[in-house]
Amino acid sequence: MYYKYEGVSPSGSHKPNTAVAQAYYNKEAGVKKLTTETGAGQWGSSLAFAGALFGLEVLVYMVKVSYQQKPYRLALMETYGARVVASPSNQTQAGREILAQHPNSNGSLGIAISEAVEVAAADEQTKYALGSVLNHVLLHQTVIGQEALTQLERPPNPLNMTFFSNAIFSECPK
């Protein structure tokens, strides 16, 4: 059995697998800035890391309750150069509308997404990057899995290989 522990990655999860790819392709396309949302901060940390690798500005809208409760994730994103805003915020129309109706809102992933998308839609040099629910993310994770399978062909007689990830579990019998 092989165990792939991704907690020691630069952002503490498997999410750089897609963040690095998205940052790379956006850089190649001439994009200057990426916006995104994050709940607990894993995706925001991953995109901040990837943005730093490729010299992209990163703006992260973090669910307000997590922004208040997870100072280490916030510090990590800022260390990588991202600007992190508690969501809902007064910086976007979406955020202002929520705050007008619910001044003490703790935020939600949906609100943070709305704010990040609004910023990206208003600026040609800015694109929105999404962390875990679209097909391209599955493609990036698949490539990582294919690479792992190729690497694991090297040990003698592996009878059964099991891979674990923070978010992905699959068993690949030899």
N, C-alpha and C. Protein backbone atom coordinates (compact mmCIF):
# COMPACT_ATOMS: atom_id res chain seq x y z
N MET A 1 0.85 -1.16 0.00
CA MET A 1 0.00 0.00 0.00
C MET A 1 0.90 1.24 0.00
N TYR A 2 0.54 2.21 -0.81
CA TYR A 2 1.25 3.48 -0.87
C TYR A 2 0.31 4.58 -0.39
N TYR A 3 0.85 5.47 0.37
CA TYR A 3 0.05 6.56 0.92
C TYR A 3 0.62 7.87 0.41
N LYS A 4 -0.20 8.66 -0.22
CA LYS A 4 0.22 9.97 -0.73
C LYS A 4 -0.31 11.03 0.23
N TYR A 5 0.57 11.57 1.05
CA TYR A 5 0.20 12.57 2.03
C TYR A 5 0.43 13.96 1.45
N GLU A 6 -0.63 14.72 1.28
CA GLU A 6 -0.52 16.03 0.66
C GLU A 6 -0.57 17.17 1.66
N GLY A 7 -0.59 16.85 2.94
CA GLY A 7 -0.63 17.88 3.95
C GLY A 7 0.65 18.69 4.05
N VAL A 8 1.73 18.18 3.45
CA VAL A 8 2.99 18.91 3.47
C VAL A 8 3.21 19.73 2.21
N SER A 9 2.22 19.80 1.35
CA SER A 9 2.36 20.63 0.16
C SER A 9 2.40 22.10 0.59
N PRO A 10 2.86 22.98 -0.29
CA PRO A 10 3.00 24.39 0.11
C PRO A 10 1.74 25.04 0.67
N SER A 11 0.58 24.53 0.30
CA SER A 11 -0.65 25.12 0.83
C SER A 11 -1.40 24.19 1.78
N GLY A 12 -0.87 23.00 2.00
CA GLY A 12 -1.47 22.08 2.95
C GLY A 12 -2.57 21.21 2.41
N SER A 13 -2.68 21.09 1.08
CA SER A 13 -3.73 20.24 0.51
C SER A 13 -3.34 19.81 -0.90
N HIS A 14 -4.25 19.08 -1.55
CA HIS A 14 -4.06 18.65 -2.94
C HIS A 14 -4.36 19.77 -3.94
N LYS A 15 -4.88 20.88 -3.50
CA LYS A 15 -5.42 21.90 -4.41
C LYS A 15 -4.41 22.62 -5.29
N PRO A 16 -3.11 22.64 -4.94
CA PRO A 16 -2.17 23.23 -5.91
C PRO A 16 -2.13 22.47 -7.24
N ASN A 17 -2.57 21.20 -7.25
CA ASN A 17 -2.58 20.44 -8.50
C ASN A 17 -3.33 21.18 -9.59
N THR A 18 -4.41 21.83 -9.26
CA THR A 18 -5.15 22.61 -10.26
C THR A 18 -4.81 24.09 -10.20
N ALA A 19 -4.46 24.60 -9.04
CA ALA A 19 -4.13 26.03 -8.94
C ALA A 19 -2.93 26.39 -9.80
N VAL A 20 -1.90 25.55 -9.76
CA VAL A 20 -0.69 25.83 -10.55
C VAL A 20 -1.03 25.79 -12.04
N ALA A 21 -1.80 24.81 -12.46
CA ALA A 21 -2.18 24.72 -13.87
C ALA A 21 -3.01 25.94 -14.30
N GLN A 22 -3.97 26.33 -13.48
CA GLN A 22 -4.80 27.49 -13.84
C GLN A 22 -3.97 28.77 -13.90
N ALA A 23 -3.06 28.95 -12.93
CA ALA A 23 -2.21 30.15 -12.94
C ALA A 23 -1.31 30.15 -14.18
N TYR A 24 -0.75 29.02 -14.50
CA TYR A 24 0.13 28.91 -15.67
C TYR A 24 -0.62 29.31 -16.95
N TYR A 25 -1.77 28.69 -17.18
CA TYR A 25 -2.50 28.98 -18.41
C TYR A 25 -3.00 30.42 -18.46
N ASN A 26 -3.38 30.97 -17.34
CA ASN A 26 -3.78 32.38 -17.32
C ASN A 26 -2.59 33.29 -17.61
N LYS A 27 -1.43 33.00 -17.06
CA LYS A 27 -0.23 33.78 -17.34
C LYS A 27 0.10 33.72 -18.82
N GLU A 28 0.03 32.53 -19.39
CA GLU A 28 0.30 32.36 -20.83
C GLU A 28 -0.68 33.16 -21.68
N ALA A 29 -1.91 33.33 -21.20
CA ALA A 29 -2.93 34.07 -21.93
C ALA A 29 -2.82 35.59 -21.71
N GLY A 30 -1.86 36.01 -20.90
CA GLY A 30 -1.67 37.44 -20.68
C GLY A 30 -2.49 38.04 -19.55
N VAL A 31 -3.12 37.19 -18.77
CA VAL A 31 -3.91 37.65 -17.63
C VAL A 31 -2.97 38.21 -16.57
N LYS A 32 -3.38 39.29 -15.92
CA LYS A 32 -2.56 39.92 -14.89
C LYS A 32 -3.01 39.60 -13.47
N LYS A 33 -4.30 39.28 -13.31
CA LYS A 33 -4.86 39.13 -11.96
C LYS A 33 -5.89 38.02 -11.95
N LEU A 34 -5.89 37.25 -10.86
CA LEU A 34 -6.90 36.21 -10.65
C LEU A 34 -7.70 36.55 -9.41
N THR A 35 -9.00 36.30 -9.48
CA THR A 35 -9.86 36.42 -8.30
C THR A 35 -10.43 35.05 -8.00
N THR A 36 -10.74 34.85 -6.73
CA THR A 36 -11.35 33.59 -6.33
C THR A 36 -12.02 33.75 -4.99
N GLU A 37 -12.69 32.70 -4.57
CA GLU A 37 -13.29 32.62 -3.25
C GLU A 37 -12.58 31.53 -2.48
N THR A 38 -12.71 31.57 -1.17
CA THR A 38 -12.23 30.46 -0.36
C THR A 38 -13.09 30.38 0.88
N GLY A 39 -13.32 29.17 1.33
CA GLY A 39 -14.07 28.96 2.56
C GLY A 39 -13.09 28.95 3.72
N ALA A 40 -12.53 27.78 4.00
CA ALA A 40 -11.59 27.63 5.11
C ALA A 40 -10.19 28.11 4.77
N GLY A 41 -9.92 28.32 3.50
CA GLY A 41 -8.64 28.89 3.10
C GLY A 41 -7.72 27.99 2.31
N GLN A 42 -8.05 26.71 2.13
CA GLN A 42 -7.16 25.83 1.37
C GLN A 42 -7.05 26.26 -0.09
N TRP A 43 -8.18 26.52 -0.73
CA TRP A 43 -8.13 26.92 -2.13
C TRP A 43 -7.48 28.30 -2.27
N GLY A 44 -7.81 29.22 -1.40
CA GLY A 44 -7.19 30.55 -1.46
C GLY A 44 -5.68 30.46 -1.28
N SER A 45 -5.23 29.62 -0.36
CA SER A 45 -3.79 29.44 -0.15
C SER A 45 -3.14 28.83 -1.38
N SER A 46 -3.81 27.88 -2.00
CA SER A 46 -3.26 27.23 -3.19
C SER A 46 -3.14 28.20 -4.35
N LEU A 47 -4.18 29.00 -4.57
CA LEU A 47 -4.12 29.95 -5.68
C LEU A 47 -3.12 31.07 -5.38
N ALA A 48 -3.01 31.48 -4.13
CA ALA A 48 -2.01 32.49 -3.76
C ALA A 48 -0.60 31.95 -4.06
N PHE A 49 -0.35 30.70 -3.68
CA PHE A 49 0.92 30.04 -3.96
C PHE A 49 1.19 30.02 -5.46
N ALA A 50 0.20 29.58 -6.24
CA ALA A 50 0.36 29.48 -7.69
C ALA A 50 0.55 30.86 -8.32
N GLY A 51 -0.19 31.84 -7.85
CA GLY A 51 -0.02 33.20 -8.36
C GLY A 51 1.39 33.71 -8.13
N ALA A 52 1.96 33.39 -6.98
CA ALA A 52 3.32 33.81 -6.67
C ALA A 52 4.33 33.14 -7.62
N LEU A 53 4.07 31.90 -7.98
CA LEU A 53 4.98 31.20 -8.90
C LEU A 53 5.05 31.88 -10.26
N PHE A 54 3.93 32.46 -10.70
CA PHE A 54 3.86 33.01 -12.05
C PHE A 54 3.72 34.53 -12.09
N GLY A 55 3.90 35.19 -10.96
CA GLY A 55 3.86 36.64 -10.93
C GLY A 55 2.50 37.24 -11.20
N LEU A 56 1.45 36.55 -10.77
CA LEU A 56 0.08 37.04 -10.95
C LEU A 56 -0.43 37.65 -9.66
N GLU A 57 -1.17 38.72 -9.78
CA GLU A 57 -1.85 39.30 -8.63
C GLU A 57 -3.03 38.39 -8.29
N VAL A 58 -3.26 38.14 -7.02
CA VAL A 58 -4.36 37.27 -6.60
C VAL A 58 -5.19 38.01 -5.55
N LEU A 59 -6.49 38.03 -5.79
CA LEU A 59 -7.46 38.63 -4.86
C LEU A 59 -8.40 37.52 -4.41
N VAL A 60 -8.43 37.29 -3.10
CA VAL A 60 -9.22 36.20 -2.54
C VAL A 60 -10.33 36.78 -1.67
N TYR A 61 -11.58 36.39 -1.95
CA TYR A 61 -12.71 36.72 -1.07
C TYR A 61 -12.92 35.52 -0.16
N MET A 62 -12.64 35.71 1.12
CA MET A 62 -12.72 34.63 2.10
C MET A 62 -13.97 34.78 2.94
N VAL A 63 -14.72 33.70 3.08
CA VAL A 63 -15.93 33.71 3.91
C VAL A 63 -15.58 34.36 5.26
N LYS A 64 -16.37 35.36 5.64
CA LYS A 64 -16.02 36.19 6.79
C LYS A 64 -15.77 35.40 8.08
N VAL A 65 -16.60 34.42 8.37
CA VAL A 65 -16.41 33.66 9.61
C VAL A 65 -15.06 32.93 9.61
N SER A 66 -14.65 32.42 8.45
CA SER A 66 -13.35 31.77 8.35
C SER A 66 -12.22 32.80 8.42
N TYR A 67 -12.42 33.94 7.81
CA TYR A 67 -11.44 35.03 7.86
C TYR A 67 -11.14 35.37 9.33
N GLN A 68 -12.19 35.36 10.15
CA GLN A 68 -12.03 35.70 11.56
C GLN A 68 -11.47 34.54 12.38
N GLN A 69 -11.76 33.31 11.98
CA GLN A 69 -11.39 32.14 12.78
C GLN A 69 -10.09 31.45 12.34
N LYS A 70 -9.58 31.79 11.18
CA LYS A 70 -8.42 31.08 10.65
C LYS A 70 -7.29 32.04 10.29
N PRO A 71 -6.69 32.67 11.29
CA PRO A 71 -5.65 33.66 11.01
C PRO A 71 -4.41 33.07 10.33
N TYR A 72 -4.13 31.80 10.54
CA TYR A 72 -2.95 31.21 9.92
C TYR A 72 -3.14 31.02 8.42
N ARG A 73 -4.34 30.65 8.01
CA ARG A 73 -4.63 30.55 6.57
C ARG A 73 -4.54 31.94 5.93
N LEU A 74 -5.10 32.91 6.60
CA LEU A 74 -5.03 34.29 6.11
C LEU A 74 -3.58 34.72 5.97
N ALA A 75 -2.77 34.46 6.98
CA ALA A 75 -1.35 34.83 6.95
C ALA A 75 -0.62 34.11 5.81
N LEU A 76 -0.96 32.84 5.58
CA LEU A 76 -0.32 32.09 4.51
C LEU A 76 -0.64 32.71 3.15
N MET A 77 -1.90 33.03 2.91
CA MET A 77 -2.28 33.65 1.64
C MET A 77 -1.55 34.97 1.45
N GLU A 78 -1.50 35.78 2.50
CA GLU A 78 -0.82 37.06 2.41
C GLU A 78 0.68 36.89 2.24
N THR A 79 1.25 35.87 2.84
CA THR A 79 2.68 35.60 2.67
C THR A 79 3.01 35.31 1.22
N TYR A 80 2.12 34.62 0.53
CA TYR A 80 2.30 34.35 -0.89
C TYR A 80 1.97 35.55 -1.76
N GLY A 81 1.50 36.64 -1.16
CA GLY A 81 1.28 37.87 -1.91
C GLY A 81 -0.16 38.17 -2.28
N ALA A 82 -1.09 37.34 -1.86
CA ALA A 82 -2.50 37.58 -2.18
C ALA A 82 -3.06 38.69 -1.30
N ARG A 83 -4.04 39.37 -1.84
CA ARG A 83 -4.84 40.29 -1.03
C ARG A 83 -6.09 39.52 -0.65
N VAL A 84 -6.41 39.49 0.63
CA VAL A 84 -7.54 38.70 1.13
C VAL A 84 -8.56 39.65 1.73
N VAL A 85 -9.82 39.48 1.32
CA VAL A 85 -10.90 40.34 1.78
C VAL A 85 -11.96 39.46 2.43
N ALA A 86 -12.42 39.87 3.61
CA ALA A 86 -13.52 39.15 4.27
C ALA A 86 -14.80 39.38 3.47
N SER A 87 -15.53 38.31 3.22
CA SER A 87 -16.75 38.39 2.42
C SER A 87 -17.96 37.99 3.26
N PRO A 88 -19.02 38.80 3.21
CA PRO A 88 -19.27 39.91 2.30
C PRO A 88 -18.48 41.16 2.66
N SER A 89 -18.21 41.95 1.62
CA SER A 89 -17.42 43.17 1.79
C SER A 89 -18.16 44.37 1.20
N ASN A 90 -17.63 45.53 1.45
CA ASN A 90 -18.16 46.75 0.84
C ASN A 90 -17.48 47.05 -0.49
N GLN A 91 -16.65 46.15 -0.98
CA GLN A 91 -15.90 46.39 -2.21
C GLN A 91 -16.66 46.04 -3.49
N THR A 92 -17.73 45.29 -3.35
CA THR A 92 -18.50 44.89 -4.54
C THR A 92 -19.98 45.20 -4.32
N GLN A 93 -20.70 45.28 -5.43
CA GLN A 93 -22.14 45.49 -5.33
C GLN A 93 -22.81 44.30 -4.63
N ALA A 94 -22.36 43.10 -4.97
CA ALA A 94 -22.94 41.90 -4.34
C ALA A 94 -22.75 41.94 -2.83
N GLY A 95 -21.56 42.28 -2.40
CA GLY A 95 -21.27 42.35 -0.97
C GLY A 95 -22.06 43.44 -0.27
N ARG A 96 -22.14 44.60 -0.91
CA ARG A 96 -22.90 45.71 -0.32
C ARG A 96 -24.38 45.37 -0.17
N GLU A 97 -24.93 44.66 -1.16
CA GLU A 97 -26.35 44.28 -1.07
C GLU A 97 -26.60 43.32 0.09
N ILE A 98 -25.71 42.36 0.27
CA ILE A 98 -25.86 41.41 1.39
C ILE A 98 -25.74 42.16 2.71
N LEU A 99 -24.75 43.03 2.83
CA LEU A 99 -24.54 43.75 4.08
C LEU A 99 -25.69 44.71 4.39
N ALA A 100 -26.33 45.26 3.34
CA ALA A 100 -27.48 46.14 3.57
C ALA A 100 -28.65 45.36 4.18
N GLN A 101 -28.82 44.12 3.74
CA GLN A 101 -29.90 43.28 4.25
C GLN A 101 -29.52 42.56 5.55
N HIS A 102 -28.26 42.19 5.67
CA HIS A 102 -27.78 41.40 6.81
C HIS A 102 -26.44 41.95 7.28
N PRO A 103 -26.44 43.05 8.02
CA PRO A 103 -25.19 43.71 8.40
C PRO A 103 -24.22 42.83 9.18
N ASN A 104 -24.71 41.81 9.87
CA ASN A 104 -23.84 40.93 10.65
C ASN A 104 -23.59 39.59 9.98
N SER A 105 -23.76 39.54 8.66
CA SER A 105 -23.59 38.29 7.93
C SER A 105 -22.21 37.69 8.16
N ASN A 106 -22.19 36.39 8.43
CA ASN A 106 -20.93 35.65 8.54
C ASN A 106 -20.36 35.26 7.19
N GLY A 107 -21.15 35.52 6.14
CA GLY A 107 -20.71 35.17 4.79
C GLY A 107 -21.04 33.74 4.43
N SER A 108 -20.78 33.41 3.17
CA SER A 108 -20.97 32.06 2.66
C SER A 108 -20.10 31.92 1.42
N LEU A 109 -19.89 30.70 1.01
CA LEU A 109 -19.11 30.48 -0.19
C LEU A 109 -19.80 31.11 -1.41
N GLY A 110 -21.12 31.03 -1.45
CA GLY A 110 -21.87 31.63 -2.55
C GLY A 110 -21.67 33.13 -2.65
N ILE A 111 -21.67 33.80 -1.52
CA ILE A 111 -21.45 35.26 -1.51
C ILE A 111 -20.03 35.56 -1.97
N ALA A 112 -19.07 34.83 -1.46
CA ALA A 112 -17.67 35.05 -1.84
C ALA A 112 -17.47 34.81 -3.34
N ILE A 113 -18.12 33.80 -3.88
CA ILE A 113 -18.06 33.55 -5.33
C ILE A 113 -18.64 34.74 -6.07
N SER A 114 -19.78 35.23 -5.64
CA SER A 114 -20.41 36.38 -6.31
C SER A 114 -19.48 37.58 -6.34
N GLU A 115 -18.78 37.83 -5.24
CA GLU A 115 -17.88 38.96 -5.20
C GLU A 115 -16.69 38.76 -6.14
N ALA A 116 -16.10 37.58 -6.11
CA ALA A 116 -14.94 37.31 -6.96
C ALA A 116 -15.30 37.38 -8.44
N VAL A 117 -16.45 36.83 -8.81
CA VAL A 117 -16.90 36.85 -10.21
C VAL A 117 -17.19 38.29 -10.64
N GLU A 118 -17.81 39.06 -9.77
CA GLU A 118 -18.12 40.46 -10.09
C GLU A 118 -16.85 41.24 -10.43
N VAL A 119 -15.81 41.06 -9.63
CA VAL A 119 -14.54 41.76 -9.88
C VAL A 119 -13.94 41.32 -11.21
N ALA A 120 -13.95 40.03 -11.48
CA ALA A 120 -13.39 39.52 -12.73
C ALA A 120 -14.17 40.01 -13.94
N ALA A 121 -15.48 40.07 -13.82
CA ALA A 121 -16.31 40.49 -14.95
C ALA A 121 -16.12 41.96 -15.30
N ALA A 122 -15.64 42.73 -14.36
CA ALA A 122 -15.49 44.18 -14.57
C ALA A 122 -14.12 44.58 -15.12
N ASP A 123 -13.21 43.64 -15.29
CA ASP A 123 -11.84 43.97 -15.69
C ASP A 123 -11.31 42.94 -16.67
N GLU A 124 -10.93 43.37 -17.88
CA GLU A 124 -10.44 42.44 -18.90
C GLU A 124 -9.15 41.73 -18.51
N GLN A 125 -8.35 42.33 -17.65
CA GLN A 125 -7.07 41.75 -17.23
C GLN A 125 -7.22 40.78 -16.06
N THR A 126 -8.46 40.60 -15.58
CA THR A 126 -8.71 39.76 -14.41
C THR A 126 -9.59 38.58 -14.80
N LYS A 127 -9.24 37.42 -14.32
CA LYS A 127 -10.03 36.20 -14.55
C LYS A 127 -10.35 35.55 -13.21
N TYR A 128 -11.46 34.84 -13.21
CA TYR A 128 -11.92 34.12 -12.03
C TYR A 128 -11.37 32.69 -12.09
N ALA A 129 -10.83 32.21 -10.99
CA ALA A 129 -10.32 30.83 -10.92
C ALA A 129 -11.15 30.06 -9.90
N LEU A 130 -11.63 28.90 -10.31
CA LEU A 130 -12.50 28.10 -9.45
C LEU A 130 -11.77 26.83 -9.02
N GLY A 131 -11.90 26.52 -7.74
CA GLY A 131 -11.06 25.49 -7.14
C GLY A 131 -11.44 24.04 -7.28
N SER A 132 -12.71 23.66 -7.22
CA SER A 132 -12.91 22.22 -7.09
C SER A 132 -14.18 21.66 -7.70
N VAL A 133 -14.93 22.39 -8.44
CA VAL A 133 -16.20 21.81 -8.90
C VAL A 133 -16.39 21.85 -10.41
N LEU A 134 -15.34 22.02 -11.16
CA LEU A 134 -15.47 22.02 -12.62
C LEU A 134 -14.61 20.92 -13.25
N ASN A 135 -14.92 20.59 -14.49
CA ASN A 135 -14.25 19.48 -15.16
C ASN A 135 -12.73 19.66 -15.28
N HIS A 136 -12.27 20.90 -15.48
CA HIS A 136 -10.82 21.07 -15.63
C HIS A 136 -10.08 20.67 -14.36
N VAL A 137 -10.70 20.81 -13.20
CA VAL A 137 -10.07 20.40 -11.96
C VAL A 137 -9.89 18.88 -11.95
N LEU A 138 -10.91 18.16 -12.40
CA LEU A 138 -10.82 16.71 -12.51
C LEU A 138 -9.71 16.32 -13.47
N LEU A 139 -9.59 17.04 -14.58
CA LEU A 139 -8.53 16.76 -15.54
C LEU A 139 -7.15 16.91 -14.89
N HIS A 140 -6.95 18.01 -14.15
CA HIS A 140 -5.65 18.21 -13.49
C HIS A 140 -5.37 17.12 -12.47
N GLN A 141 -6.38 16.70 -11.71
CA GLN A 141 -6.19 15.62 -10.74
C GLN A 141 -5.91 14.30 -11.44
N THR A 142 -6.53 14.07 -12.59
CA THR A 142 -6.31 12.85 -13.36
C THR A 142 -4.86 12.76 -13.82
N VAL A 143 -4.32 13.87 -14.31
CA VAL A 143 -2.93 13.89 -14.76
C VAL A 143 -2.00 13.53 -13.60
N ILE A 144 -2.28 14.09 -12.42
CA ILE A 144 -1.47 13.77 -11.24
C ILE A 144 -1.55 12.26 -10.95
N GLY A 145 -2.75 11.69 -11.04
CA GLY A 145 -2.92 10.26 -10.80
C GLY A 145 -2.20 9.41 -11.83
N GLN A 146 -2.25 9.82 -13.10
CA GLN A 146 -1.54 9.08 -14.14
C GLN A 146 -0.03 9.11 -13.91
N GLU A 147 0.47 10.27 -13.50
CA GLU A 147 1.90 10.38 -13.19
C GLU A 147 2.26 9.45 -12.03
N ALA A 148 1.41 9.42 -11.00
CA ALA A 148 1.68 8.55 -9.85
C ALA A 148 1.71 7.09 -10.27
N LEU A 149 0.77 6.68 -11.12
CA LEU A 149 0.75 5.28 -11.57
C LEU A 149 2.01 4.93 -12.34
N THR A 150 2.47 5.84 -13.18
CA THR A 150 3.71 5.61 -13.92
C THR A 150 4.89 5.47 -12.97
N GLN A 151 4.96 6.32 -11.97
CA GLN A 151 6.05 6.26 -10.99
C GLN A 151 5.99 4.96 -10.18
N LEU A 152 4.79 4.50 -9.89
CA LEU A 152 4.65 3.31 -9.06
C LEU A 152 4.87 2.01 -9.83
N GLU A 153 5.04 2.08 -11.13
CA GLU A 153 5.37 0.88 -11.90
C GLU A 153 6.80 0.44 -11.61
N ARG A 154 7.60 1.30 -11.03
CA ARG A 154 9.00 1.01 -10.77
C ARG A 154 9.23 0.03 -9.62
N PRO A 155 8.46 0.07 -8.54
CA PRO A 155 8.73 -0.88 -7.45
C PRO A 155 8.45 -2.32 -7.90
N PRO A 156 9.17 -3.29 -7.36
CA PRO A 156 8.93 -4.68 -7.76
C PRO A 156 7.63 -5.22 -7.19
N ASN A 157 6.86 -5.88 -8.04
CA ASN A 157 5.66 -6.62 -7.67
C ASN A 157 4.65 -5.89 -6.78
N PRO A 158 4.25 -4.70 -7.11
CA PRO A 158 3.20 -4.09 -6.28
C PRO A 158 1.88 -4.82 -6.50
N LEU A 159 1.33 -5.41 -5.45
CA LEU A 159 0.10 -6.16 -5.58
C LEU A 159 -1.13 -5.28 -5.62
N ASN A 160 -1.11 -4.25 -4.83
CA ASN A 160 -2.27 -3.37 -4.77
C ASN A 160 -1.78 -1.99 -4.33
N MET A 161 -2.18 -0.97 -5.06
CA MET A 161 -1.77 0.39 -4.73
C MET A 161 -3.01 1.20 -4.39
N THR A 162 -2.98 1.84 -3.28
CA THR A 162 -4.10 2.68 -2.88
C THR A 162 -3.59 4.10 -2.69
N PHE A 163 -4.32 5.06 -3.21
CA PHE A 163 -3.94 6.47 -3.12
C PHE A 163 -4.96 7.20 -2.27
N PHE A 164 -4.48 8.02 -1.40
CA PHE A 164 -5.36 8.84 -0.59
C PHE A 164 -5.03 10.30 -0.82
N SER A 165 -6.02 11.13 -0.79
CA SER A 165 -5.81 12.57 -0.87
C SER A 165 -6.76 13.21 0.12
N ASN A 166 -6.56 14.46 0.41
CA ASN A 166 -7.47 15.16 1.31
C ASN A 166 -8.90 15.13 0.78
N ALA A 167 -9.06 15.09 -0.52
CA ALA A 167 -10.40 15.14 -1.09
C ALA A 167 -10.70 14.01 -2.06
N ILE A 168 -9.71 13.21 -2.38
CA ILE A 168 -9.91 12.19 -3.40
C ILE A 168 -9.47 10.84 -2.88
N PHE A 169 -10.26 9.81 -3.12
CA PHE A 169 -9.89 8.45 -2.74
C PHE A 169 -10.15 7.55 -3.92
N SER A 170 -9.13 6.81 -4.33
CA SER A 170 -9.35 5.84 -5.39
C SER A 170 -8.41 4.68 -5.20
N GLU A 171 -8.85 3.51 -5.55
CA GLU A 171 -8.02 2.33 -5.43
C GLU A 171 -7.69 1.84 -6.83
N CYS A 172 -6.41 1.57 -7.06
CA CYS A 172 -5.97 1.16 -8.38
C CYS A 172 -5.23 -0.17 -8.29
N PRO A 173 -5.91 -1.30 -8.46
CA PRO A 173 -5.23 -2.59 -8.41
C PRO A 173 -4.30 -2.74 -9.60
N LYS A 174 -3.19 -3.34 -9.40
CA LYS A 174 -2.19 -3.54 -10.46
C LYS A 174 -2.59 -4.69 -11.34
